[in-house]
């Protein structure tokens, strides 16, 4: 189902109870909310899921619960990445990926490898992965930028690498990337603010954070862009820009969890070193949504 990873993918949060244990009923509710809202696929255990704070047993439970609740309705992508290449390969083989269609793997962080190091890391993983691999470039978090030439080289050399979640945030780099990769290689926006422009330039869609709070609105916007209604999609994207900026103002996923809490989907709790959204941000989110709903009527 790798060809179906187009449109709006959603990077799911991990709901926690007040004691910061997994809130499985809330996770099930979130999956139902997103699948029923028109989104096209789900991404589990990404950065937005606070995956670096989860134990192996918690990750296993989350993978199982999402697959069970999804029940084959939408394609599923599992986040498995890190800066220890051999450990990532081991996790790919030890994780129960039944019901999953692809793996999203972040470019190595902290080590700050060269472009050749990034290439060799993903080339090794491509030979190990049990599922098609989607690269993830997010320089603001990793400390290094996977350049278009490196991505194109991996796309040419590794059949198991099917696409990239590109979160560089740079228009020129996204445009260059779309020009140098093969036509069937998925270029997916990893940034809500570049989602519509990426599709307008020929990209496959987005893996969104905001999309889980407003699945109908966000997936409808991306659908408009994919259908060639660029002006309408761009207008809606601009109307959502203040909300995107709000949910990231105090870090991810504190902002979107606060918004989900206002929607009654899950509690706003996050694990240290993150802290919950401030009262000021909660107030601003509520004020925006009140105005936005009124304008949508």
C-alpha atoms as a PDB file:
ATOM      1  CA  UNK A   1       0.000   0.000   0.000  1.00  0.00           C
ATOM      2  CA  UNK A   2       3.020   2.290  -0.291  1.00  0.00           C
ATOM      3  CA  UNK A   3       1.477   3.928  -3.365  1.00  0.00           C
ATOM      4  CA  UNK A   4      -1.445   4.977  -1.132  1.00  0.00           C
ATOM      5  CA  UNK A   5       0.761   7.151   1.071  1.00  0.00           C
ATOM      6  CA  UNK A   6      -0.485  10.288  -0.611  1.00  0.00           C
ATOM      7  CA  UNK A   7      -2.634  13.076   0.722  1.00  0.00           C
ATOM      8  CA  UNK A   8      -2.769  13.662   4.463  1.00  0.00           C
ATOM      9  CA  UNK A   9      -0.824  11.452   6.815  1.00  0.00           C
ATOM     10  CA  UNK A  10      -1.052  12.261  10.511  1.00  0.00           C
ATOM     11  CA  UNK A  11       1.809  12.013  13.013  1.00  0.00           C
ATOM     12  CA  UNK A  12      -0.119  10.743  16.028  1.00  0.00           C
ATOM     13  CA  UNK A  13       0.599  11.976  19.549  1.00  0.00           C
ATOM     14  CA  UNK A  14       0.916   9.514  22.418  1.00  0.00           C
ATOM     15  CA  UNK A  15      -1.833  10.273  24.961  1.00  0.00           C
ATOM     16  CA  UNK A  16      -0.795  10.080  28.614  1.00  0.00           C
ATOM     17  CA  UNK A  17      -2.775   9.989  31.837  1.00  0.00           C
ATOM     18  CA  UNK A  18      -2.025  12.426  34.651  1.00  0.00           C
ATOM     19  CA  UNK A  19       0.534   9.970  36.070  1.00  0.00           C
ATOM     20  CA  UNK A  20       2.165   9.945  32.585  1.00  0.00           C
ATOM     21  CA  UNK A  21       1.296   6.312  31.894  1.00  0.00           C
ATOM     22  CA  UNK A  22      -0.083   5.420  28.476  1.00  0.00           C
ATOM     23  CA  UNK A  23      -3.729   6.342  28.006  1.00  0.00           C
ATOM     24  CA  UNK A  24      -4.810   3.519  25.716  1.00  0.00           C
ATOM     25  CA  UNK A  25      -8.542   4.470  25.556  1.00  0.00           C
ATOM     26  CA  UNK A  26      -7.539   7.993  24.476  1.00  0.00           C
ATOM     27  CA  UNK A  27      -5.191   6.566  21.842  1.00  0.00           C
ATOM     28  CA  UNK A  28      -8.050   4.489  20.454  1.00  0.00           C
ATOM     29  CA  UNK A  29     -10.282   7.566  20.477  1.00  0.00           C
ATOM     30  CA  UNK A  30      -7.627   9.556  18.609  1.00  0.00           C
ATOM     31  CA  UNK A  31      -7.318   6.867  15.931  1.00  0.00           C
ATOM     32  CA  UNK A  32     -11.102   6.839  15.446  1.00  0.00           C
ATOM     33  CA  UNK A  33     -11.162  10.642  15.312  1.00  0.00           C
ATOM     34  CA  UNK A  34      -8.497  10.786  12.599  1.00  0.00           C
ATOM     35  CA  UNK A  35      -9.670   7.841  10.505  1.00  0.00           C
ATOM     36  CA  UNK A  36     -13.211   9.174  10.585  1.00  0.00           C
ATOM     37  CA  UNK A  37     -12.073  12.657   9.633  1.00  0.00           C
ATOM     38  CA  UNK A  38     -10.898  11.846   6.135  1.00  0.00           C
ATOM     39  CA  UNK A  39      -7.149  11.526   6.623  1.00  0.00           C
ATOM     40  CA  UNK A  40      -5.340   9.108   4.330  1.00  0.00           C
ATOM     41  CA  UNK A  41      -2.818   7.316   6.566  1.00  0.00           C
ATOM     42  CA  UNK A  42      -1.437   7.242  10.100  1.00  0.00           C
ATOM     43  CA  UNK A  43       2.143   7.626  11.311  1.00  0.00           C
ATOM     44  CA  UNK A  44       2.912   6.029  14.669  1.00  0.00           C
ATOM     45  CA  UNK A  45       5.916   6.608  16.972  1.00  0.00           C
ATOM     46  CA  UNK A  46       7.266   9.671  15.213  1.00  0.00           C
ATOM     47  CA  UNK A  47       8.735  12.726  16.944  1.00  0.00           C
ATOM     48  CA  UNK A  48       5.227  13.995  17.718  1.00  0.00           C
ATOM     49  CA  UNK A  49       4.602  10.739  19.635  1.00  0.00           C
ATOM     50  CA  UNK A  50       7.424  11.619  22.077  1.00  0.00           C
ATOM     51  CA  UNK A  51       8.957   8.333  20.980  1.00  0.00           C
ATOM     52  CA  UNK A  52      12.323   9.055  22.618  1.00  0.00           C
ATOM     53  CA  UNK A  53      10.610   8.967  26.018  1.00  0.00           C
ATOM     54  CA  UNK A  54       8.817   5.647  25.418  1.00  0.00           C
ATOM     55  CA  UNK A  55      10.062   2.275  26.635  1.00  0.00           C
ATOM     56  CA  UNK A  56      10.315  -0.684  24.225  1.00  0.00           C
ATOM     57  CA  UNK A  57       7.234  -2.247  25.855  1.00  0.00           C
ATOM     58  CA  UNK A  58       5.263   0.983  25.461  1.00  0.00           C
ATOM     59  CA  UNK A  59       6.240   1.225  21.811  1.00  0.00           C
ATOM     60  CA  UNK A  60       5.131  -2.369  21.274  1.00  0.00           C
ATOM     61  CA  UNK A  61       1.763  -1.652  22.887  1.00  0.00           C
ATOM     62  CA  UNK A  62       1.224   1.520  20.853  1.00  0.00           C
ATOM     63  CA  UNK A  63       1.997  -0.268  17.585  1.00  0.00           C
ATOM     64  CA  UNK A  64      -0.440  -3.028  18.523  1.00  0.00           C
ATOM     65  CA  UNK A  65      -3.252  -0.764  19.702  1.00  0.00           C
ATOM     66  CA  UNK A  66      -3.141   1.504  16.649  1.00  0.00           C
ATOM     67  CA  UNK A  67      -3.121  -1.458  14.245  1.00  0.00           C
ATOM     68  CA  UNK A  68      -5.998  -3.070  16.143  1.00  0.00           C
ATOM     69  CA  UNK A  69      -8.121   0.095  16.270  1.00  0.00           C
ATOM     70  CA  UNK A  70      -7.367   1.002  12.651  1.00  0.00           C
ATOM     71  CA  UNK A  71      -8.478  -2.511  11.597  1.00  0.00           C
ATOM     72  CA  UNK A  72      -7.051  -2.168   8.103  1.00  0.00           C
ATOM     73  CA  UNK A  73      -8.954   1.014   7.239  1.00  0.00           C
ATOM     74  CA  UNK A  74      -5.917   3.174   6.479  1.00  0.00           C
ATOM     75  CA  UNK A  75      -2.264   2.474   5.641  1.00  0.00           C
ATOM     76  CA  UNK A  76       0.030   2.604   8.672  1.00  0.00           C
ATOM     77  CA  UNK A  77       3.606   3.874   8.969  1.00  0.00           C
ATOM     78  CA  UNK A  78       5.827   3.057  11.954  1.00  0.00           C
ATOM     79  CA  UNK A  79       8.549   5.436  13.086  1.00  0.00           C
ATOM     80  CA  UNK A  80      11.820   3.584  13.671  1.00  0.00           C
ATOM     81  CA  UNK A  81      14.936   5.729  13.582  1.00  0.00           C
ATOM     82  CA  UNK A  82      17.925   6.963  15.505  1.00  0.00           C
ATOM     83  CA  UNK A  83      21.608   7.764  15.423  1.00  0.00           C
ATOM     84  CA  UNK A  84      22.877   4.223  16.019  1.00  0.00           C
ATOM     85  CA  UNK A  85      22.562   2.474  12.670  1.00  0.00           C
ATOM     86  CA  UNK A  86      22.922  -1.072  13.984  1.00  0.00           C
ATOM     87  CA  UNK A  87      20.405  -0.436  16.778  1.00  0.00           C
ATOM     88  CA  UNK A  88      17.873   0.948  14.296  1.00  0.00           C
ATOM     89  CA  UNK A  89      18.278  -2.137  12.118  1.00  0.00           C
ATOM     90  CA  UNK A  90      17.741  -4.384  15.156  1.00  0.00           C
ATOM     91  CA  UNK A  91      14.592  -2.483  16.129  1.00  0.00           C
ATOM     92  CA  UNK A  92      13.234  -2.904  12.613  1.00  0.00           C
ATOM     93  CA  UNK A  93      13.552  -6.672  12.965  1.00  0.00           C
ATOM     94  CA  UNK A  94      12.352  -6.994  16.565  1.00  0.00           C
ATOM     95  CA  UNK A  95       9.290  -4.729  16.285  1.00  0.00           C
ATOM     96  CA  UNK A  96       5.954  -6.373  15.552  1.00  0.00           C
ATOM     97  CA  UNK A  97       4.996  -4.594  12.339  1.00  0.00           C
ATOM     98  CA  UNK A  98       1.969  -6.694  11.480  1.00  0.00           C
ATOM     99  CA  UNK A  99      -0.567  -4.408   9.826  1.00  0.00           C
ATOM    100  CA  UNK A 100       2.029  -1.782   8.921  1.00  0.00           C
ATOM    101  CA  UNK A 101       2.928  -0.712   5.398  1.00  0.00           C
ATOM    102  CA  UNK A 102       6.125   1.324   5.713  1.00  0.00           C
ATOM    103  CA  UNK A 103       8.782   2.579   8.127  1.00  0.00           C
ATOM    104  CA  UNK A 104       9.597   6.261   8.643  1.00  0.00           C
ATOM    105  CA  UNK A 105      13.230   6.716   9.687  1.00  0.00           C
ATOM    106  CA  UNK A 106      14.751  10.007  10.754  1.00  0.00           C
ATOM    107  CA  UNK A 107      18.175  11.098   9.572  1.00  0.00           C
ATOM    108  CA  UNK A 108      20.768  10.482  12.331  1.00  0.00           C
ATOM    109  CA  UNK A 109      20.717  13.227  14.938  1.00  0.00           C
ATOM    110  CA  UNK A 110      23.419  14.593  17.257  1.00  0.00           C
ATOM    111  CA  UNK A 111      26.259  12.698  15.497  1.00  0.00           C
ATOM    112  CA  UNK A 112      26.002  15.206  12.620  1.00  0.00           C
ATOM    113  CA  UNK A 113      27.242  12.820   9.895  1.00  0.00           C
ATOM    114  CA  UNK A 114      28.491  13.981   6.516  1.00  0.00           C
ATOM    115  CA  UNK A 115      26.340  13.490   3.426  1.00  0.00           C
ATOM    116  CA  UNK A 116      28.289  10.280   2.772  1.00  0.00           C
ATOM    117  CA  UNK A 117      27.565   9.141   6.331  1.00  0.00           C
ATOM    118  CA  UNK A 118      23.840   9.818   5.866  1.00  0.00           C
ATOM    119  CA  UNK A 119      23.919   7.927   2.566  1.00  0.00           C
ATOM    120  CA  UNK A 120      25.668   4.904   4.073  1.00  0.00           C
ATOM    121  CA  UNK A 121      23.322   4.889   7.096  1.00  0.00           C
ATOM    122  CA  UNK A 122      20.218   4.676   4.931  1.00  0.00           C
ATOM    123  CA  UNK A 123      21.808   2.347   2.400  1.00  0.00           C
ATOM    124  CA  UNK A 124      22.505  -0.088   5.235  1.00  0.00           C
ATOM    125  CA  UNK A 125      18.962   0.240   6.595  1.00  0.00           C
ATOM    126  CA  UNK A 126      17.473  -0.208   3.119  1.00  0.00           C
ATOM    127  CA  UNK A 127      19.187  -3.603   2.937  1.00  0.00           C
ATOM    128  CA  UNK A 128      17.760  -4.542   6.356  1.00  0.00           C
ATOM    129  CA  UNK A 129      14.258  -3.111   6.406  1.00  0.00           C
ATOM    130  CA  UNK A 130      11.299  -5.519   6.301  1.00  0.00           C
ATOM    131  CA  UNK A 131       9.081  -2.775   4.855  1.00  0.00           C
ATOM    132  CA  UNK A 132       9.480   0.097   2.375  1.00  0.00           C
ATOM    133  CA  UNK A 133      11.438   2.940   3.929  1.00  0.00           C
ATOM    134  CA  UNK A 134      10.538   6.618   4.058  1.00  0.00           C
ATOM    135  CA  UNK A 135      13.412   8.955   4.887  1.00  0.00           C
ATOM    136  CA  UNK A 136      12.834  11.849   7.283  1.00  0.00           C
ATOM    137  CA  UNK A 137      14.821  15.062   6.970  1.00  0.00           C
ATOM    138  CA  UNK A 138      14.297  17.541   9.808  1.00  0.00           C
ATOM    139  CA  UNK A 139      17.476  19.651  10.172  1.00  0.00           C
ATOM    140  CA  UNK A 140      16.130  21.753  13.040  1.00  0.00           C
ATOM    141  CA  UNK A 141      16.024  18.622  15.216  1.00  0.00           C
ATOM    142  CA  UNK A 142      18.889  16.527  13.846  1.00  0.00           C
ATOM    143  CA  UNK A 143      21.594  19.152  13.436  1.00  0.00           C
ATOM    144  CA  UNK A 144      22.321  18.106   9.849  1.00  0.00           C
ATOM    145  CA  UNK A 145      20.557  18.578   6.530  1.00  0.00           C
ATOM    146  CA  UNK A 146      20.048  15.681   4.102  1.00  0.00           C
ATOM    147  CA  UNK A 147      20.613  17.414   0.776  1.00  0.00           C
ATOM    148  CA  UNK A 148      18.604  16.725  -2.412  1.00  0.00           C
ATOM    149  CA  UNK A 149      21.611  15.129  -4.137  1.00  0.00           C
ATOM    150  CA  UNK A 150      21.929  12.613  -1.289  1.00  0.00           C
ATOM    151  CA  UNK A 151      18.211  11.821  -1.391  1.00  0.00           C
ATOM    152  CA  UNK A 152      18.314  11.364  -5.172  1.00  0.00           C
ATOM    153  CA  UNK A 153      21.299   9.042  -4.857  1.00  0.00           C
ATOM    154  CA  UNK A 154      19.467   6.911  -2.286  1.00  0.00           C
ATOM    155  CA  UNK A 155      16.327   6.882  -4.433  1.00  0.00           C
ATOM    156  CA  UNK A 156      18.328   5.609  -7.406  1.00  0.00           C
ATOM    157  CA  UNK A 157      20.453   3.073  -5.523  1.00  0.00           C
ATOM    158  CA  UNK A 158      17.965   1.583  -3.021  1.00  0.00           C
ATOM    159  CA  UNK A 159      14.744   0.016  -4.241  1.00  0.00           C
ATOM    160  CA  UNK A 160      13.369  -0.229  -0.707  1.00  0.00           C
ATOM    161  CA  UNK A 161      13.489   3.543  -0.192  1.00  0.00           C
ATOM    162  CA  UNK A 162      10.136   4.834  -1.404  1.00  0.00           C
ATOM    163  CA  UNK A 163      10.047   8.476  -0.353  1.00  0.00           C
ATOM    164  CA  UNK A 164      10.999  11.236   2.049  1.00  0.00           C
ATOM    165  CA  UNK A 165       9.276  13.310   4.677  1.00  0.00           C
ATOM    166  CA  UNK A 166      10.940  16.648   3.977  1.00  0.00           C
ATOM    167  CA  UNK A 167      10.848  19.116   6.860  1.00  0.00           C
ATOM    168  CA  UNK A 168      13.710  21.420   5.912  1.00  0.00           C
ATOM    169  CA  UNK A 169      11.256  24.332   5.597  1.00  0.00           C
ATOM    170  CA  UNK A 170      13.201  25.797   2.677  1.00  0.00           C
ATOM    171  CA  UNK A 171      11.283  26.449  -0.539  1.00  0.00           C
ATOM    172  CA  UNK A 172      14.367  26.289  -2.769  1.00  0.00           C
ATOM    173  CA  UNK A 173      15.455  22.921  -1.340  1.00  0.00           C
ATOM    174  CA  UNK A 174      11.979  21.392  -1.687  1.00  0.00           C
ATOM    175  CA  UNK A 175      11.747  22.531  -5.303  1.00  0.00           C
ATOM    176  CA  UNK A 176      15.207  21.168  -6.078  1.00  0.00           C
ATOM    177  CA  UNK A 177      14.347  17.874  -4.411  1.00  0.00           C
ATOM    178  CA  UNK A 178      11.233  17.449  -6.558  1.00  0.00           C
ATOM    179  CA  UNK A 179      13.339  18.022  -9.670  1.00  0.00           C
ATOM    180  CA  UNK A 180      16.104  15.496  -8.918  1.00  0.00           C
ATOM    181  CA  UNK A 181      14.242  12.440  -7.541  1.00  0.00           C
ATOM    182  CA  UNK A 182      12.504   9.832  -9.744  1.00  0.00           C
ATOM    183  CA  UNK A 183       8.896  10.543 -10.659  1.00  0.00           C
ATOM    184  CA  UNK A 184       7.500   7.731  -8.507  1.00  0.00           C
ATOM    185  CA  UNK A 185       9.483   8.781  -5.411  1.00  0.00           C
ATOM    186  CA  UNK A 186       7.190  10.233  -2.743  1.00  0.00           C
ATOM    187  CA  UNK A 187       8.118  13.736  -1.607  1.00  0.00           C
ATOM    188  CA  UNK A 188       5.982  14.386   1.472  1.00  0.00           C
ATOM    189  CA  UNK A 189       5.943  17.670   3.358  1.00  0.00           C
ATOM    190  CA  UNK A 190       6.995  17.266   6.969  1.00  0.00           C
ATOM    191  CA  UNK A 191       5.872  20.757   7.886  1.00  0.00           C
ATOM    192  CA  UNK A 192       2.246  21.913   8.061  1.00  0.00           C
ATOM    193  CA  UNK A 193       3.196  25.333   6.700  1.00  0.00           C
ATOM    194  CA  UNK A 194       4.836  23.896   3.563  1.00  0.00           C
ATOM    195  CA  UNK A 195       2.170  21.235   2.953  1.00  0.00           C
ATOM    196  CA  UNK A 196       0.114  23.021   0.310  1.00  0.00           C
ATOM    197  CA  UNK A 197       3.114  24.582  -1.477  1.00  0.00           C
ATOM    198  CA  UNK A 198       4.815  21.168  -1.628  1.00  0.00           C
ATOM    199  CA  UNK A 199       1.721  19.623  -3.228  1.00  0.00           C
ATOM    200  CA  UNK A 200       1.356  22.571  -5.604  1.00  0.00           C
ATOM    201  CA  UNK A 201       4.963  21.978  -6.736  1.00  0.00           C
ATOM    202  CA  UNK A 202       4.304  18.281  -7.386  1.00  0.00           C
ATOM    203  CA  UNK A 203       4.674  16.632  -3.975  1.00  0.00           C
ATOM    204  CA  UNK A 204       2.600  13.731  -2.666  1.00  0.00           C
ATOM    205  CA  UNK A 205       1.095  15.383   0.416  1.00  0.00           C
ATOM    206  CA  UNK A 206       1.986  15.895   4.059  1.00  0.00           C
ATOM    207  CA  UNK A 207       2.628  14.108   7.330  1.00  0.00           C
ATOM    208  CA  UNK A 208       0.837  16.583   9.553  1.00  0.00           C
ATOM    209  CA  UNK A 209       0.703  17.454  13.237  1.00  0.00           C
ATOM    210  CA  UNK A 210      -2.316  19.774  13.078  1.00  0.00           C
ATOM    211  CA  UNK A 211      -4.210  17.271  10.924  1.00  0.00           C
ATOM    212  CA  UNK A 212      -5.055  15.117  13.952  1.00  0.00           C
ATOM    213  CA  UNK A 213      -6.886  17.991  15.644  1.00  0.00           C
ATOM    214  CA  UNK A 214      -8.687  19.166  12.488  1.00  0.00           C
ATOM    215  CA  UNK A 215      -8.712  16.071  10.252  1.00  0.00           C
ATOM    216  CA  UNK A 216     -11.636  17.085   8.052  1.00  0.00           C
ATOM    217  CA  UNK A 217     -10.391  20.611   7.447  1.00  0.00           C
ATOM    218  CA  UNK A 218      -6.748  19.662   6.907  1.00  0.00           C
ATOM    219  CA  UNK A 219      -7.331  16.602   4.721  1.00  0.00           C
ATOM    220  CA  UNK A 220      -9.876  18.548   2.682  1.00  0.00           C
ATOM    221  CA  UNK A 221      -7.305  21.281   2.097  1.00  0.00           C
ATOM    222  CA  UNK A 222      -4.682  18.818   0.871  1.00  0.00           C
ATOM    223  CA  UNK A 223      -7.251  17.090  -1.316  1.00  0.00           C
ATOM    224  CA  UNK A 224      -8.028  20.438  -2.951  1.00  0.00           C
ATOM    225  CA  UNK A 225      -4.315  20.960  -3.655  1.00  0.00           C
ATOM    226  CA  UNK A 226      -3.909  17.463  -5.119  1.00  0.00           C
ATOM    227  CA  UNK A 227      -6.918  18.078  -7.376  1.00  0.00           C
ATOM    228  CA  UNK A 228      -5.286  21.231  -8.753  1.00  0.00           C
ATOM    229  CA  UNK A 229      -7.353  23.771  -6.840  1.00  0.00           C
ATOM    230  CA  UNK A 230      -4.234  25.615  -5.767  1.00  0.00           C
ATOM    231  CA  UNK A 231      -5.855  28.964  -5.039  1.00  0.00           C
ATOM    232  CA  UNK A 232      -8.513  27.510  -2.758  1.00  0.00           C
ATOM    233  CA  UNK A 233      -6.033  25.265  -0.949  1.00  0.00           C
ATOM    234  CA  UNK A 234      -3.560  28.135  -0.518  1.00  0.00           C
ATOM    235  CA  UNK A 235      -6.269  30.376   0.907  1.00  0.00           C
ATOM    236  CA  UNK A 236      -7.238  27.791   3.503  1.00  0.00           C
ATOM    237  CA  UNK A 237      -3.580  27.156   4.314  1.00  0.00           C
ATOM    238  CA  UNK A 238      -3.062  30.844   5.014  1.00  0.00           C
ATOM    239  CA  UNK A 239      -6.144  30.943   7.243  1.00  0.00           C
ATOM    240  CA  UNK A 240      -4.651  28.084   9.285  1.00  0.00           C
ATOM    241  CA  UNK A 241      -1.164  29.619   9.484  1.00  0.00           C
ATOM    242  CA  UNK A 242      -1.787  31.357  12.843  1.00  0.00           C
ATOM    243  CA  UNK A 243      -3.010  28.071  14.344  1.00  0.00           C
ATOM    244  CA  UNK A 244       0.027  26.174  13.060  1.00  0.00           C
ATOM    245  CA  UNK A 245       2.270  28.816  14.586  1.00  0.00           C
ATOM    246  CA  UNK A 246       0.372  28.552  17.873  1.00  0.00           C
ATOM    247  CA  UNK A 247       0.663  24.772  18.225  1.00  0.00           C
ATOM    248  CA  UNK A 248       4.430  24.972  17.723  1.00  0.00           C
ATOM    249  CA  UNK A 249       4.972  28.110  19.827  1.00  0.00           C
ATOM    250  CA  UNK A 250       5.952  26.165  22.947  1.00  0.00           C
ATOM    251  CA  UNK A 251       7.196  23.023  21.249  1.00  0.00           C
ATOM    252  CA  UNK A 252       5.708  19.891  19.779  1.00  0.00           C
ATOM    253  CA  UNK A 253       3.528  18.107  20.866  1.00  0.00           C
ATOM    254  CA  UNK A 254       2.598  20.317  23.852  1.00  0.00           C
ATOM    255  CA  UNK A 255       0.652  22.677  21.608  1.00  0.00           C
ATOM    256  CA  UNK A 256      -1.311  20.107  19.634  1.00  0.00           C
ATOM    257  CA  UNK A 257      -2.034  18.103  22.801  1.00  0.00           C
ATOM    258  CA  UNK A 258      -3.537  21.248  24.336  1.00  0.00           C
ATOM    259  CA  UNK A 259      -5.698  21.619  21.239  1.00  0.00           C
ATOM    260  CA  UNK A 260      -6.711  17.956  21.332  1.00  0.00           C
ATOM    261  CA  UNK A 261      -7.649  18.385  24.991  1.00  0.00           C
ATOM    262  CA  UNK A 262      -9.966  21.237  24.024  1.00  0.00           C
ATOM    263  CA  UNK A 263     -11.570  18.856  21.516  1.00  0.00           C
ATOM    264  CA  UNK A 264     -12.035  16.214  24.227  1.00  0.00           C
ATOM    265  CA  UNK A 265      -9.738  13.698  22.517  1.00  0.00           C
ATOM    266  CA  UNK A 266      -6.966  13.306  25.095  1.00  0.00           C
ATOM    267  CA  UNK A 267      -5.382  15.020  28.081  1.00  0.00           C
ATOM    268  CA  UNK A 268      -2.609  17.612  27.500  1.00  0.00           C
ATOM    269  CA  UNK A 269       0.072  15.773  29.494  1.00  0.00           C
ATOM    270  CA  UNK A 270       3.607  15.421  28.060  1.00  0.00           C
ATOM    271  CA  UNK A 271       6.711  13.745  29.460  1.00  0.00           C
ATOM    272  CA  UNK A 272       9.820  15.586  30.614  1.00  0.00           C
ATOM    273  CA  UNK A 273      11.866  17.292  29.376  1.00  0.00           C
ATOM    274  CA  UNK A 274       8.766  18.730  27.676  1.00  0.00           C
ATOM    275  CA  UNK A 275       6.191  20.585  29.762  1.00  0.00           C
ATOM    276  CA  UNK A 276       2.490  21.182  29.070  1.00  0.00           C
ATOM    277  CA  UNK A 277       1.291  24.240  27.204  1.00  0.00           C
ATOM    278  CA  UNK A 278       1.047  27.396  29.290  1.00  0.00           C
ATOM    279  CA  UNK A 279      -2.282  28.892  30.317  1.00  0.00           C
ATOM    280  CA  UNK A 280      -1.610  31.727  27.875  1.00  0.00           C
ATOM    281  CA  UNK A 281      -1.178  29.337  24.944  1.00  0.00           C
ATOM    282  CA  UNK A 282      -4.287  27.376  25.948  1.00  0.00           C
ATOM    283  CA  UNK A 283      -6.220  30.638  25.985  1.00  0.00           C
ATOM    284  CA  UNK A 284      -4.896  31.698  22.588  1.00  0.00           C
ATOM    285  CA  UNK A 285      -5.724  28.313  21.052  1.00  0.00           C
ATOM    286  CA  UNK A 286      -9.277  28.540  22.349  1.00  0.00           C
ATOM    287  CA  UNK A 287      -9.688  32.078  21.045  1.00  0.00           C
ATOM    288  CA  UNK A 288      -8.425  31.137  17.586  1.00  0.00           C
ATOM    289  CA  UNK A 289     -10.700  28.104  17.347  1.00  0.00           C
ATOM    290  CA  UNK A 290     -13.731  30.114  18.413  1.00  0.00           C
ATOM    291  CA  UNK A 291     -13.108  32.621  15.623  1.00  0.00           C
ATOM    292  CA  UNK A 292     -12.176  29.941  13.084  1.00  0.00           C
ATOM    293  CA  UNK A 293     -15.351  27.921  13.687  1.00  0.00           C
ATOM    294  CA  UNK A 294     -17.451  31.049  13.341  1.00  0.00           C
ATOM    295  CA  UNK A 295     -15.787  31.891  10.027  1.00  0.00           C
ATOM    296  CA  UNK A 296     -16.302  28.349   8.710  1.00  0.00           C
ATOM    297  CA  UNK A 297     -20.068  28.457   9.259  1.00  0.00           C
END
